[in-house]
Amino acid sequence: MKVQTGQIWYVISDFWTSGDDNEIQGRSAKVKIKKGEKIEIRYPYKWHFRTEDNLYCHVEESVLIKNCLLFGVKNKNSKQSLADILLNSEYTPIN
């Protein structure tokens, strides 16, 4: 499976983000992504993604593939938040 920008993934098991570029209140921090969340791949380096609550994180591809299933692909023209993309069905589901 190839990870690409615009993909939406469903988290099947909890995992920690890489942490070194994530800042919460001015501090680098690892973030725990929990089972049941959906994330959207935003940038193609170290697989930067955003969560439904618009938190930007990154993780190695192997961690992503191990802990997530491909859920869908965002419509190319959508400029909405991930929560709105999911709510308004602005994506193509993957069966």
Protein backbone atom coordinates (compact mmCIF):
# COMPACT_ATOMS: atom_id res chain seq x y z
CA MET A 1 0.00 0.00 0.00
CA LYS A 2 1.26 3.46 -0.87
CA VAL A 3 0.59 6.41 1.43
CA GLN A 4 -0.32 9.61 -0.44
CA THR A 5 -1.52 13.11 0.38
CA GLY A 6 -5.29 13.51 0.48
CA GLN A 7 -5.90 10.04 1.88
CA ILE A 8 -8.09 9.59 4.95
CA TRP A 9 -7.11 6.79 7.32
CA TYR A 10 -9.09 5.08 10.09
CA VAL A 11 -7.06 4.35 13.23
CA ILE A 12 -7.40 0.69 14.31
CA SER A 13 -4.98 0.81 17.24
CA ASP A 14 -3.55 3.62 19.39
CA PHE A 15 -0.14 5.03 18.42
CA TRP A 16 2.17 7.88 19.35
CA THR A 17 3.23 10.55 16.88
CA SER A 18 6.89 11.29 16.26
CA GLY A 19 6.71 14.38 18.41
CA ASP A 20 9.74 16.47 17.55
CA ASP A 21 7.84 19.02 15.42
CA ASN A 22 4.55 18.98 17.32
CA GLU A 23 4.15 21.97 19.61
CA ILE A 24 1.58 22.30 22.32
CA GLN A 25 1.79 25.57 24.24
CA GLY A 26 5.27 26.19 22.82
CA ARG A 27 6.71 22.78 23.73
CA SER A 28 7.57 19.81 21.56
CA ALA A 29 5.24 16.98 22.46
CA LYS A 30 4.28 13.49 21.37
CA VAL A 31 0.57 13.03 20.79
CA LYS A 32 -1.37 9.80 21.28
CA ILE A 33 -3.68 9.08 18.35
CA LYS A 34 -6.49 6.81 19.52
CA LYS A 35 -8.35 3.92 17.96
CA GLY A 36 -11.48 5.08 16.13
CA GLU A 37 -10.07 8.44 15.00
CA LYS A 38 -9.76 9.44 11.36
CA ILE A 39 -6.74 11.32 10.04
CA GLU A 40 -5.99 13.01 6.71
CA ILE A 41 -2.53 12.86 5.13
CA ARG A 42 -1.55 16.47 4.38
CA TYR A 43 2.13 16.50 3.33
CA PRO A 44 4.38 13.80 1.82
CA TYR A 45 7.34 14.06 4.17
CA LYS A 46 7.40 11.98 7.31
CA TRP A 47 3.68 11.73 6.63
CA HIS A 48 2.26 14.86 8.19
CA PHE A 49 -1.43 14.48 8.92
CA ARG A 50 -4.26 16.31 10.66
CA THR A 51 -6.86 14.95 13.02
CA GLU A 52 -10.59 15.61 13.02
CA ASP A 53 -10.04 18.33 15.64
CA ASN A 54 -7.43 19.97 13.37
CA LEU A 55 -4.27 19.00 15.25
CA TYR A 56 -1.30 18.57 12.90
CA CYS A 57 1.12 15.70 13.64
CA HIS A 58 3.54 13.43 11.83
CA VAL A 59 4.59 9.81 11.94
CA GLU A 60 6.75 7.32 10.06
CA GLU A 61 4.99 5.46 7.25
CA SER A 62 5.50 2.06 8.93
CA VAL A 63 3.63 3.26 12.05
CA LEU A 64 0.79 4.60 9.94
CA ILE A 65 0.39 1.37 7.96
CA LYS A 66 0.62 -0.81 11.08
CA ASN A 67 -2.03 1.12 13.02
CA CYS A 68 -4.47 2.40 10.37
CA LEU A 69 -6.65 1.27 7.48
CA LEU A 70 -7.23 3.35 4.37
CA PHE A 71 -10.72 4.84 4.73
CA GLY A 72 -11.10 7.21 1.76
CA VAL A 73 -9.61 9.90 -0.45
CA LYS A 74 -10.49 13.58 -0.04
CA ASN A 75 -12.09 15.28 -3.04
CA LYS A 76 -9.40 17.37 -4.74
CA ASN A 77 -11.23 20.70 -4.57
CA SER A 78 -12.24 20.47 -0.91
CA LYS A 79 -10.70 23.18 1.32
CA GLN A 80 -12.68 22.18 4.42
CA SER A 81 -11.49 20.88 7.78
CA LEU A 82 -11.31 17.11 8.10
CA ALA A 83 -14.37 17.11 10.37
CA ASP A 84 -16.36 18.97 7.68
CA ILE A 85 -15.00 16.75 4.89
CA LEU A 86 -16.31 13.72 6.78
CA LEU A 87 -19.61 15.39 7.72
CA ASN A 88 -20.31 16.59 4.16
CA SER A 89 -19.02 13.41 2.46
CA GLU A 90 -16.36 15.37 0.53
CA TYR A 91 -14.37 12.17 -0.04
CA THR A 92 -14.48 8.91 -1.97
CA PRO A 93 -14.75 5.91 0.36
CA ILE A 94 -12.40 2.95 -0.03
CA ASN A 95 -14.17 -0.40 0.16
